[in-house]
């Protein structure tokens, strides 16, 4: 069997090019902006979700945090997405980790 001789530079290139955000990504659960916040909180508790997406007219426009949800509709608790929070599936994993540091 041939022994692999990878350099640290080759390993860095692997993380920079081949391993991307798509390997960590999963579909986001989302709800309509007008749904009852208590209903969404129960769903989040059952699935151990900290955040879920909120839709308006079929598009996810932001998210809500489980810890914030109380009475009323989810629209009261929406955090709109910031451009700096958006990650392409082609973003190198190393960059994703850097982004998580700034946007948990």
PDB file of N, CA and C in Angstrom:
ATOM      1  N   UNK A   1       0.833  -1.166   0.000  1.00  0.00           N
ATOM      2  CA  UNK A   1       0.000   0.000   0.000  1.00  0.00           C
ATOM      3  C   UNK A   1       0.888   1.243   0.000  1.00  0.00           C
ATOM      4  N   UNK A   2       0.534   2.192  -0.812  1.00  0.00           N
ATOM      5  CA  UNK A   2       1.299   3.425  -0.938  1.00  0.00           C
ATOM      6  C   UNK A   2       0.956   4.375   0.216  1.00  0.00           C
ATOM      7  N   UNK A   3       1.965   4.968   0.828  1.00  0.00           N
ATOM      8  CA  UNK A   3       1.756   5.892   1.924  1.00  0.00           C
ATOM      9  C   UNK A   3       1.481   7.295   1.376  1.00  0.00           C
ATOM     10  N   UNK A   4       0.454   7.942   1.912  1.00  0.00           N
ATOM     11  CA  UNK A   4       0.126   9.299   1.495  1.00  0.00           C
ATOM     12  C   UNK A   4       1.064  10.287   2.171  1.00  0.00           C
ATOM     13  N   UNK A   5       1.528  11.245   1.401  1.00  0.00           N
ATOM     14  CA  UNK A   5       2.421  12.264   1.943  1.00  0.00           C
ATOM     15  C   UNK A   5       1.809  13.633   1.673  1.00  0.00           C
ATOM     16  N   UNK A   6       0.821  13.999   2.480  1.00  0.00           N
ATOM     17  CA  UNK A   6       0.165  15.285   2.323  1.00  0.00           C
ATOM     18  C   UNK A   6       0.900  16.337   3.136  1.00  0.00           C
ATOM     19  N   UNK A   7       1.041  17.472   2.548  1.00  0.00           N
ATOM     20  CA  UNK A   7       1.637  18.586   3.269  1.00  0.00           C
ATOM     21  C   UNK A   7       0.529  19.385   3.938  1.00  0.00           C
ATOM     22  N   UNK A   8       0.903  20.232   4.855  1.00  0.00           N
ATOM     23  CA  UNK A   8      -0.103  21.077   5.510  1.00  0.00           C
ATOM     24  C   UNK A   8      -0.753  22.009   4.493  1.00  0.00           C
ATOM     25  N   UNK A   9      -0.009  22.430   3.484  1.00  0.00           N
ATOM     26  CA  UNK A   9      -0.566  23.290   2.440  1.00  0.00           C
ATOM     27  C   UNK A   9      -1.635  22.544   1.644  1.00  0.00           C
ATOM     28  N   UNK A  10      -1.406  21.285   1.347  1.00  0.00           N
ATOM     29  CA  UNK A  10      -2.396  20.491   0.629  1.00  0.00           C
ATOM     30  C   UNK A  10      -3.661  20.297   1.468  1.00  0.00           C
ATOM     31  N   UNK A  11      -3.470  20.111   2.761  1.00  0.00           N
ATOM     32  CA  UNK A  11      -4.603  19.969   3.654  1.00  0.00           C
ATOM     33  C   UNK A  11      -5.400  21.271   3.712  1.00  0.00           C
ATOM     34  N   UNK A  12      -4.719  22.399   3.768  1.00  0.00           N
ATOM     35  CA  UNK A  12      -5.382  23.700   3.764  1.00  0.00           C
ATOM     36  C   UNK A  12      -6.163  23.884   2.462  1.00  0.00           C
ATOM     37  N   UNK A  13      -5.586  23.503   1.337  1.00  0.00           N
ATOM     38  CA  UNK A  13      -6.267  23.618   0.043  1.00  0.00           C
ATOM     39  C   UNK A  13      -7.528  22.757   0.017  1.00  0.00           C
ATOM     40  N   UNK A  14      -7.456  21.590   0.646  1.00  0.00           N
ATOM     41  CA  UNK A  14      -8.619  20.717   0.723  1.00  0.00           C
ATOM     42  C   UNK A  14      -9.767  21.438   1.447  1.00  0.00           C
ATOM     43  N   UNK A  15      -9.465  22.065   2.583  1.00  0.00           N
ATOM     44  CA  UNK A  15     -10.489  22.793   3.326  1.00  0.00           C
ATOM     45  C   UNK A  15     -10.933  24.052   2.601  1.00  0.00           C
ATOM     46  N   UNK A  16     -10.035  24.682   1.868  1.00  0.00           N
ATOM     47  CA  UNK A  16     -10.370  25.910   1.154  1.00  0.00           C
ATOM     48  C   UNK A  16     -11.223  25.659  -0.087  1.00  0.00           C
ATOM     49  N   UNK A  17     -11.091  24.515  -0.711  1.00  0.00           N
ATOM     50  CA  UNK A  17     -11.766  24.277  -1.992  1.00  0.00           C
ATOM     51  C   UNK A  17     -12.806  23.163  -1.969  1.00  0.00           C
ATOM     52  N   UNK A  18     -12.467  22.058  -1.345  1.00  0.00           N
ATOM     53  CA  UNK A  18     -13.309  20.872  -1.490  1.00  0.00           C
ATOM     54  C   UNK A  18     -14.396  20.749  -0.420  1.00  0.00           C
ATOM     55  N   UNK A  19     -14.113  21.159   0.786  1.00  0.00           N
ATOM     56  CA  UNK A  19     -15.083  21.005   1.864  1.00  0.00           C
ATOM     57  C   UNK A  19     -15.783  22.350   2.058  1.00  0.00           C
ATOM     58  N   UNK A  20     -17.068  22.385   1.732  1.00  0.00           N
ATOM     59  CA  UNK A  20     -17.803  23.644   1.728  1.00  0.00           C
ATOM     60  C   UNK A  20     -19.024  23.570   2.648  1.00  0.00           C
ATOM     61  N   UNK A  21     -19.729  24.672   2.741  1.00  0.00           N
ATOM     62  CA  UNK A  21     -20.895  24.790   3.614  1.00  0.00           C
ATOM     63  C   UNK A  21     -21.964  23.752   3.299  1.00  0.00           C
ATOM     64  N   UNK A  22     -22.047  23.311   2.059  1.00  0.00           N
ATOM     65  CA  UNK A  22     -23.109  22.357   1.704  1.00  0.00           C
ATOM     66  C   UNK A  22     -23.002  21.050   2.484  1.00  0.00           C
ATOM     67  N   UNK A  23     -21.828  20.757   3.045  1.00  0.00           N
ATOM     68  CA  UNK A  23     -21.657  19.532   3.820  1.00  0.00           C
ATOM     69  C   UNK A  23     -22.220  19.665   5.234  1.00  0.00           C
ATOM     70  N   UNK A  24     -22.491  20.894   5.675  1.00  0.00           N
ATOM     71  CA  UNK A  24     -23.085  21.134   6.989  1.00  0.00           C
ATOM     72  C   UNK A  24     -24.538  21.559   6.904  1.00  0.00           C
ATOM     73  N   UNK A  25     -24.930  22.054   5.759  1.00  0.00           N
ATOM     74  CA  UNK A  25     -26.254  22.664   5.607  1.00  0.00           C
ATOM     75  C   UNK A  25     -27.373  21.638   5.716  1.00  0.00           C
ATOM     76  N   UNK A  26     -28.494  22.118   6.222  1.00  0.00           N
ATOM     77  CA  UNK A  26     -29.713  21.319   6.247  1.00  0.00           C
ATOM     78  C   UNK A  26     -30.869  22.271   5.981  1.00  0.00           C
ATOM     79  N   UNK A  27     -31.969  21.768   5.487  1.00  0.00           N
ATOM     80  CA  UNK A  27     -33.115  22.649   5.225  1.00  0.00           C
ATOM     81  C   UNK A  27     -33.592  23.301   6.518  1.00  0.00           C
ATOM     82  N   UNK A  28     -34.003  24.555   6.415  1.00  0.00           N
ATOM     83  CA  UNK A  28     -34.501  25.262   7.593  1.00  0.00           C
ATOM     84  C   UNK A  28     -36.015  25.054   7.701  1.00  0.00           C
ATOM     85  N   UNK A  29     -36.445  24.715   8.885  1.00  0.00           N
ATOM     86  CA  UNK A  29     -37.890  24.658   9.134  1.00  0.00           C
ATOM     87  C   UNK A  29     -38.389  26.085   9.164  1.00  0.00           C
ATOM     88  N   UNK A  30     -39.545  26.316   8.548  1.00  0.00           N
ATOM     89  CA  UNK A  30     -40.060  27.683   8.511  1.00  0.00           C
ATOM     90  C   UNK A  30     -41.571  27.694   8.646  1.00  0.00           C
ATOM     91  N   UNK A  31     -42.066  28.841   9.079  1.00  0.00           N
ATOM     92  CA  UNK A  31     -43.492  29.025   9.332  1.00  0.00           C
ATOM     93  C   UNK A  31     -43.936  30.358   8.757  1.00  0.00           C
ATOM     94  N   UNK A  32     -45.229  30.466   8.483  1.00  0.00           N
ATOM     95  CA  UNK A  32     -45.795  31.709   8.001  1.00  0.00           C
ATOM     96  C   UNK A  32     -45.712  32.775   9.098  1.00  0.00           C
ATOM     97  N   UNK A  33     -45.508  34.010   8.703  1.00  0.00           N
ATOM     98  CA  UNK A  33     -45.332  35.108   9.656  1.00  0.00           C
ATOM     99  C   UNK A  33     -46.544  35.322  10.553  1.00  0.00           C
ATOM    100  N   UNK A  34     -47.720  34.892  10.120  1.00  0.00           N
ATOM    101  CA  UNK A  34     -48.943  35.131  10.881  1.00  0.00           C
ATOM    102  C   UNK A  34     -49.332  33.981  11.808  1.00  0.00           C
ATOM    103  N   UNK A  35     -48.513  32.941  11.893  1.00  0.00           N
ATOM    104  CA  UNK A  35     -48.850  31.805  12.759  1.00  0.00           C
ATOM    105  C   UNK A  35     -48.666  32.191  14.229  1.00  0.00           C
ATOM    106  N   UNK A  36     -49.420  31.528  15.071  1.00  0.00           N
ATOM    107  CA  UNK A  36     -49.365  31.755  16.510  1.00  0.00           C
ATOM    108  C   UNK A  36     -47.983  31.381  17.068  1.00  0.00           C
ATOM    109  N   UNK A  37     -47.384  32.285  17.809  1.00  0.00           N
ATOM    110  CA  UNK A  37     -46.033  32.081  18.350  1.00  0.00           C
ATOM    111  C   UNK A  37     -45.965  30.896  19.308  1.00  0.00           C
ATOM    112  N   UNK A  38     -47.025  30.675  20.067  1.00  0.00           N
ATOM    113  CA  UNK A  38     -47.040  29.554  21.011  1.00  0.00           C
ATOM    114  C   UNK A  38     -46.958  28.222  20.267  1.00  0.00           C
ATOM    115  N   UNK A  39     -47.654  28.113  19.160  1.00  0.00           N
ATOM    116  CA  UNK A  39     -47.612  26.890  18.341  1.00  0.00           C
ATOM    117  C   UNK A  39     -46.199  26.622  17.840  1.00  0.00           C
ATOM    118  N   UNK A  40     -45.536  27.670  17.383  1.00  0.00           N
ATOM    119  CA  UNK A  40     -44.168  27.528  16.876  1.00  0.00           C
ATOM    120  C   UNK A  40     -43.222  27.169  18.018  1.00  0.00           C
ATOM    121  N   UNK A  41     -43.395  27.788  19.168  1.00  0.00           N
ATOM    122  CA  UNK A  41     -42.538  27.491  20.328  1.00  0.00           C
ATOM    123  C   UNK A  41     -42.665  26.025  20.734  1.00  0.00           C
ATOM    124  N   UNK A  42     -43.879  25.487  20.723  1.00  0.00           N
ATOM    125  CA  UNK A  42     -44.084  24.071  21.052  1.00  0.00           C
ATOM    126  C   UNK A  42     -43.328  23.193  20.054  1.00  0.00           C
ATOM    127  N   UNK A  43     -43.438  23.516  18.751  1.00  0.00           N
ATOM    128  CA  UNK A  43     -42.716  22.771  17.725  1.00  0.00           C
ATOM    129  C   UNK A  43     -41.203  22.832  17.984  1.00  0.00           C
ATOM    130  N   UNK A  44     -40.710  24.018  18.286  1.00  0.00           N
ATOM    131  CA  UNK A  44     -39.277  24.195  18.527  1.00  0.00           C
ATOM    132  C   UNK A  44     -38.820  23.414  19.761  1.00  0.00           C
ATOM    133  N   UNK A  45     -39.636  23.411  20.809  1.00  0.00           N
ATOM    134  CA  UNK A  45     -39.316  22.627  22.009  1.00  0.00           C
ATOM    135  C   UNK A  45     -39.233  21.141  21.682  1.00  0.00           C
ATOM    136  N   UNK A  46     -40.208  20.656  20.902  1.00  0.00           N
ATOM    137  CA  UNK A  46     -40.261  19.227  20.552  1.00  0.00           C
ATOM    138  C   UNK A  46     -39.072  18.796  19.706  1.00  0.00           C
ATOM    139  N   UNK A  47     -38.563  19.712  18.856  1.00  0.00           N
ATOM    140  CA  UNK A  47     -37.460  19.382  17.952  1.00  0.00           C
ATOM    141  C   UNK A  47     -36.110  19.941  18.413  1.00  0.00           C
ATOM    142  N   UNK A  48     -36.108  20.595  19.572  1.00  0.00           N
ATOM    143  CA  UNK A  48     -34.895  21.183  20.143  1.00  0.00           C
ATOM    144  C   UNK A  48     -34.238  22.184  19.185  1.00  0.00           C
ATOM    145  N   UNK A  49     -35.050  23.030  18.565  1.00  0.00           N
ATOM    146  CA  UNK A  49     -34.567  24.080  17.662  1.00  0.00           C
ATOM    147  C   UNK A  49     -34.433  25.388  18.432  1.00  0.00           C
ATOM    148  N   UNK A  50     -33.344  26.076  18.208  1.00  0.00           N
ATOM    149  CA  UNK A  50     -33.154  27.403  18.790  1.00  0.00           C
ATOM    150  C   UNK A  50     -33.777  28.483  17.922  1.00  0.00           C
ATOM    151  N   UNK A  51     -33.749  28.274  16.610  1.00  0.00           N
ATOM    152  CA  UNK A  51     -34.323  29.230  15.660  1.00  0.00           C
ATOM    153  C   UNK A  51     -35.058  28.475  14.556  1.00  0.00           C
ATOM    154  N   UNK A  52     -36.054  29.145  13.968  1.00  0.00           N
ATOM    155  CA  UNK A  52     -36.726  28.656  12.761  1.00  0.00           C
ATOM    156  C   UNK A  52     -36.939  29.847  11.840  1.00  0.00           C
ATOM    157  N   UNK A  53     -37.095  29.560  10.568  1.00  0.00           N
ATOM    158  CA  UNK A  53     -37.335  30.611   9.594  1.00  0.00           C
ATOM    159  C   UNK A  53     -38.776  31.090   9.621  1.00  0.00           C
ATOM    160  N   UNK A  54     -38.963  32.323   9.182  1.00  0.00           N
ATOM    161  CA  UNK A  54     -40.297  32.901   9.067  1.00  0.00           C
ATOM    162  C   UNK A  54     -40.498  33.336   7.622  1.00  0.00           C
ATOM    163  N   UNK A  55     -41.649  32.910   7.061  1.00  0.00           N
ATOM    164  CA  UNK A  55     -41.964  33.181   5.654  1.00  0.00           C
ATOM    165  C   UNK A  55     -43.010  34.283   5.526  1.00  0.00           C
ATOM    166  N   UNK A  56     -42.871  35.016   4.445  1.00  0.00           N
ATOM    167  CA  UNK A  56     -43.926  35.936   4.004  1.00  0.00           C
ATOM    168  C   UNK A  56     -44.012  35.764   2.497  1.00  0.00           C
ATOM    169  N   UNK A  57     -45.220  35.527   2.000  1.00  0.00           N
ATOM    170  CA  UNK A  57     -45.450  35.308   0.566  1.00  0.00           C
ATOM    171  C   UNK A  57     -44.568  34.193   0.008  1.00  0.00           C
ATOM    172  N   UNK A  58     -44.352  33.161   0.808  1.00  0.00           N
ATOM    173  CA  UNK A  58     -43.617  31.985   0.354  1.00  0.00           C
ATOM    174  C   UNK A  58     -42.114  32.051   0.467  1.00  0.00           C
ATOM    175  N   UNK A  59     -41.549  33.208   0.834  1.00  0.00           N
ATOM    176  CA  UNK A  59     -40.093  33.351   0.961  1.00  0.00           C
ATOM    177  C   UNK A  59     -39.701  33.523   2.419  1.00  0.00           C
ATOM    178  N   UNK A  60     -38.614  32.873   2.815  1.00  0.00           N
ATOM    179  CA  UNK A  60     -38.107  33.037   4.175  1.00  0.00           C
ATOM    180  C   UNK A  60     -37.464  34.417   4.264  1.00  0.00           C
ATOM    181  N   UNK A  61     -38.010  35.242   5.163  1.00  0.00           N
ATOM    182  CA  UNK A  61     -37.566  36.641   5.267  1.00  0.00           C
ATOM    183  C   UNK A  61     -36.742  36.909   6.521  1.00  0.00           C
ATOM    184  N   UNK A  62     -36.723  35.951   7.434  1.00  0.00           N
ATOM    185  CA  UNK A  62     -35.992  36.127   8.680  1.00  0.00           C
ATOM    186  C   UNK A  62     -36.181  34.917   9.565  1.00  0.00           C
ATOM    187  N   UNK A  63     -35.969  35.113  10.854  1.00  0.00           N
ATOM    188  CA  UNK A  63     -36.060  33.999  11.786  1.00  0.00           C
ATOM    189  C   UNK A  63     -36.575  34.489  13.128  1.00  0.00           C
ATOM    190  N   UNK A  64     -37.026  33.541  13.941  1.00  0.00           N
ATOM    191  CA  UNK A  64     -37.400  33.827  15.321  1.00  0.00           C
ATOM    192  C   UNK A  64     -36.571  32.928  16.228  1.00  0.00           C
ATOM    193  N   UNK A  65     -36.330  33.428  17.432  1.00  0.00           N
ATOM    194  CA  UNK A  65     -35.607  32.663  18.448  1.00  0.00           C
ATOM    195  C   UNK A  65     -36.614  32.062  19.420  1.00  0.00           C
ATOM    196  N   UNK A  66     -36.410  30.812  19.751  1.00  0.00           N
ATOM    197  CA  UNK A  66     -37.323  30.132  20.677  1.00  0.00           C
ATOM    198  C   UNK A  66     -37.424  30.893  22.000  1.00  0.00           C
ATOM    199  N   UNK A  67     -36.307  31.403  22.479  1.00  0.00           N
ATOM    200  CA  UNK A  67     -36.296  32.087  23.778  1.00  0.00           C
ATOM    201  C   UNK A  67     -37.116  33.377  23.782  1.00  0.00           C
ATOM    202  N   UNK A  68     -37.401  33.933  22.605  1.00  0.00           N
ATOM    203  CA  UNK A  68     -38.159  35.187  22.521  1.00  0.00           C
ATOM    204  C   UNK A  68     -39.664  34.986  22.387  1.00  0.00           C
ATOM    205  N   UNK A  69     -40.082  33.817  21.919  1.00  0.00           N
ATOM    206  CA  UNK A  69     -41.494  33.624  21.584  1.00  0.00           C
ATOM    207  C   UNK A  69     -42.385  33.605  22.813  1.00  0.00           C
ATOM    208  N   UNK A  70     -43.460  34.411  22.741  1.00  0.00           N
ATOM    209  CA  UNK A  70     -44.471  34.467  23.794  1.00  0.00           C
ATOM    210  C   UNK A  70     -45.837  34.502  23.127  1.00  0.00           C
ATOM    211  N   UNK A  71     -46.718  35.347  23.590  1.00  0.00           N
ATOM    212  CA  UNK A  71     -48.066  35.447  23.030  1.00  0.00           C
ATOM    213  C   UNK A  71     -48.062  36.208  21.711  1.00  0.00           C
ATOM    214  N   UNK A  72     -49.124  35.998  20.935  1.00  0.00           N
ATOM    215  CA  UNK A  72     -49.285  36.730  19.683  1.00  0.00           C
ATOM    216  C   UNK A  72     -48.798  35.927  18.496  1.00  0.00           C
ATOM    217  N   UNK A  73     -48.521  36.631  17.407  1.00  0.00           N
ATOM    218  CA  UNK A  73     -48.074  35.965  16.184  1.00  0.00           C
ATOM    219  C   UNK A  73     -46.559  36.122  16.026  1.00  0.00           C
ATOM    220  N   UNK A  74     -45.990  35.260  15.229  1.00  0.00           N
ATOM    221  CA  UNK A  74     -44.538  35.240  15.049  1.00  0.00           C
ATOM    222  C   UNK A  74     -43.983  36.539  14.472  1.00  0.00           C
ATOM    223  N   UNK A  75     -44.796  37.236  13.707  1.00  0.00           N
ATOM    224  CA  UNK A  75     -44.327  38.471  13.076  1.00  0.00           C
ATOM    225  C   UNK A  75     -43.762  39.458  14.109  1.00  0.00           C
ATOM    226  N   UNK A  76     -44.280  39.430  15.332  1.00  0.00           N
ATOM    227  CA  UNK A  76     -43.805  40.330  16.389  1.00  0.00           C
ATOM    228  C   UNK A  76     -42.356  40.050  16.784  1.00  0.00           C
ATOM    229  N   UNK A  77     -41.850  38.859  16.476  1.00  0.00           N
ATOM    230  CA  UNK A  77     -40.551  38.420  16.986  1.00  0.00           C
ATOM    231  C   UNK A  77     -39.492  38.210  15.895  1.00  0.00           C
ATOM    232  N   UNK A  78     -39.791  38.631  14.668  1.00  0.00           N
ATOM    233  CA  UNK A  78     -38.893  38.369  13.531  1.00  0.00           C
ATOM    234  C   UNK A  78     -37.593  39.162  13.632  1.00  0.00           C
ATOM    235  N   UNK A  79     -36.501  38.458  13.358  1.00  0.00           N
ATOM    236  CA  UNK A  79     -35.205  39.082  13.116  1.00  0.00           C
ATOM    237  C   UNK A  79     -34.952  38.945  11.616  1.00  0.00           C
ATOM    238  N   UNK A  80     -34.905  40.050  10.880  1.00  0.00           N
ATOM    239  CA  UNK A  80     -34.619  39.936   9.446  1.00  0.00           C
ATOM    240  C   UNK A  80     -33.179  39.449   9.245  1.00  0.00           C
ATOM    241  N   UNK A  81     -32.968  38.740   8.155  1.00  0.00           N
ATOM    242  CA  UNK A  81     -31.611  38.297   7.842  1.00  0.00           C
ATOM    243  C   UNK A  81     -30.746  39.489   7.471  1.00  0.00           C
ATOM    244  N   UNK A  82     -29.543  39.496   7.979  1.00  0.00           N
ATOM    245  CA  UNK A  82     -28.542  40.488   7.622  1.00  0.00           C
ATOM    246  C   UNK A  82     -27.705  39.883   6.491  1.00  0.00           C
ATOM    247  N   UNK A  83     -27.281  40.692   5.555  1.00  0.00           N
ATOM    248  CA  UNK A  83     -26.464  40.186   4.433  1.00  0.00           C
ATOM    249  C   UNK A  83     -25.253  39.405   4.929  1.00  0.00           C
ATOM    250  N   UNK A  84     -24.666  39.837   6.049  1.00  0.00           N
ATOM    251  CA  UNK A  84     -23.467  39.173   6.561  1.00  0.00           C
ATOM    252  C   UNK A  84     -23.775  37.792   7.147  1.00  0.00           C
ATOM    253  N   UNK A  85     -25.066  37.456   7.330  1.00  0.00           N
ATOM    254  CA  UNK A  85     -25.449  36.155   7.862  1.00  0.00           C
ATOM    255  C   UNK A  85     -25.715  35.125   6.772  1.00  0.00           C
ATOM    256  N   UNK A  86     -25.739  35.561   5.529  1.00  0.00           N
ATOM    257  CA  UNK A  86     -26.040  34.643   4.435  1.00  0.00           C
ATOM    258  C   UNK A  86     -24.767  33.939   3.976  1.00  0.00           C
ATOM    259  N   UNK A  87     -24.899  32.640   3.779  1.00  0.00           N
ATOM    260  CA  UNK A  87     -23.757  31.805   3.398  1.00  0.00           C
ATOM    261  C   UNK A  87     -24.137  31.006   2.159  1.00  0.00           C
ATOM    262  N   UNK A  88     -23.323  31.059   1.139  1.00  0.00           N
ATOM    263  CA  UNK A  88     -23.539  30.234  -0.055  1.00  0.00           C
ATOM    264  C   UNK A  88     -23.109  28.807   0.235  1.00  0.00           C
ATOM    265  N   UNK A  89     -23.702  27.849  -0.462  1.00  0.00           N
ATOM    266  CA  UNK A  89     -23.298  26.461  -0.247  1.00  0.00           C
ATOM    267  C   UNK A  89     -21.885  26.192  -0.734  1.00  0.00           C
ATOM    268  N   UNK A  90     -21.329  27.106  -1.520  1.00  0.00           N
ATOM    269  CA  UNK A  90     -19.959  26.951  -2.030  1.00  0.00           C
ATOM    270  C   UNK A  90     -18.919  27.640  -1.135  1.00  0.00           C
ATOM    271  N   UNK A  91     -19.371  28.246  -0.036  1.00  0.00           N
ATOM    272  CA  UNK A  91     -18.446  28.909   0.881  1.00  0.00           C
ATOM    273  C   UNK A  91     -17.565  27.861   1.546  1.00  0.00           C
ATOM    274  N   UNK A  92     -16.242  28.072   1.528  1.00  0.00           N
ATOM    275  CA  UNK A  92     -15.343  27.107   2.185  1.00  0.00           C
ATOM    276  C   UNK A  92     -15.682  26.949   3.668  1.00  0.00           C
ATOM    277  N   UNK A  93     -15.569  25.738   4.160  1.00  0.00           N
ATOM    278  CA  UNK A  93     -15.912  25.431   5.538  1.00  0.00           C
ATOM    279  C   UNK A  93     -15.144  26.302   6.530  1.00  0.00           C
ATOM    280  N   UNK A  94     -13.922  26.580   6.248  1.00  0.00           N
ATOM    281  CA  UNK A  94     -13.098  27.397   7.136  1.00  0.00           C
ATOM    282  C   UNK A  94     -13.701  28.796   7.283  1.00  0.00           C
ATOM    283  N   UNK A  95     -14.287  29.327   6.195  1.00  0.00           N
ATOM    284  CA  UNK A  95     -14.944  30.642   6.239  1.00  0.00           C
ATOM    285  C   UNK A  95     -16.257  30.563   7.017  1.00  0.00           C
ATOM    286  N   UNK A  96     -16.944  29.446   6.904  1.00  0.00           N
ATOM    287  CA  UNK A  96     -18.183  29.244   7.658  1.00  0.00           C
ATOM    288  C   UNK A  96     -17.882  29.306   9.153  1.00  0.00           C
ATOM    289  N   UNK A  97     -16.823  28.643   9.593  1.00  0.00           N
ATOM    290  CA  UNK A  97     -16.458  28.665  10.995  1.00  0.00           C
ATOM    291  C   UNK A  97     -16.154  30.090  11.466  1.00  0.00           C
ATOM    292  N   UNK A  98     -15.495  30.866  10.626  1.00  0.00           N
ATOM    293  CA  UNK A  98     -15.206  32.270  10.970  1.00  0.00           C
ATOM    294  C   UNK A  98     -16.506  33.055  11.108  1.00  0.00           C
ATOM    295  N   UNK A  99     -17.459  32.792  10.226  1.00  0.00           N
ATOM    296  CA  UNK A  99     -18.750  33.497  10.265  1.00  0.00           C
ATOM    297  C   UNK A  99     -19.525  33.120  11.525  1.00  0.00           C
ATOM    298  N   UNK A 100     -19.467  31.840  11.932  1.00  0.00           N
ATOM    299  CA  UNK A 100     -20.157  31.411  13.141  1.00  0.00           C
ATOM    300  C   UNK A 100     -19.623  32.132  14.372  1.00  0.00           C
ATOM    301  N   UNK A 101     -18.371  32.481  14.341  1.00  0.00           N
ATOM    302  CA  UNK A 101     -17.778  33.210  15.464  1.00  0.00           C
ATOM    303  C   UNK A 101     -18.474  34.560  15.647  1.00  0.00           C
ATOM    304  N   UNK A 102     -18.822  35.219  14.541  1.00  0.00           N
ATOM    305  CA  UNK A 102     -19.465  36.534  14.590  1.00  0.00           C
ATOM    306  C   UNK A 102     -20.984  36.467  14.667  1.00  0.00           C
ATOM    307  N   UNK A 103     -21.580  35.385  14.174  1.00  0.00           N
ATOM    308  CA  UNK A 103     -23.036  35.229  14.121  1.00  0.00           C
ATOM    309  C   UNK A 103     -23.428  33.836  14.600  1.00  0.00           C
ATOM    310  N   UNK A 104     -23.539  33.666  15.894  1.00  0.00           N
ATOM    311  CA  UNK A 104     -23.858  32.317  16.392  1.00  0.00           C
ATOM    312  C   UNK A 104     -25.199  31.824  15.917  1.00  0.00           C
TER     313      UNK A 104
END
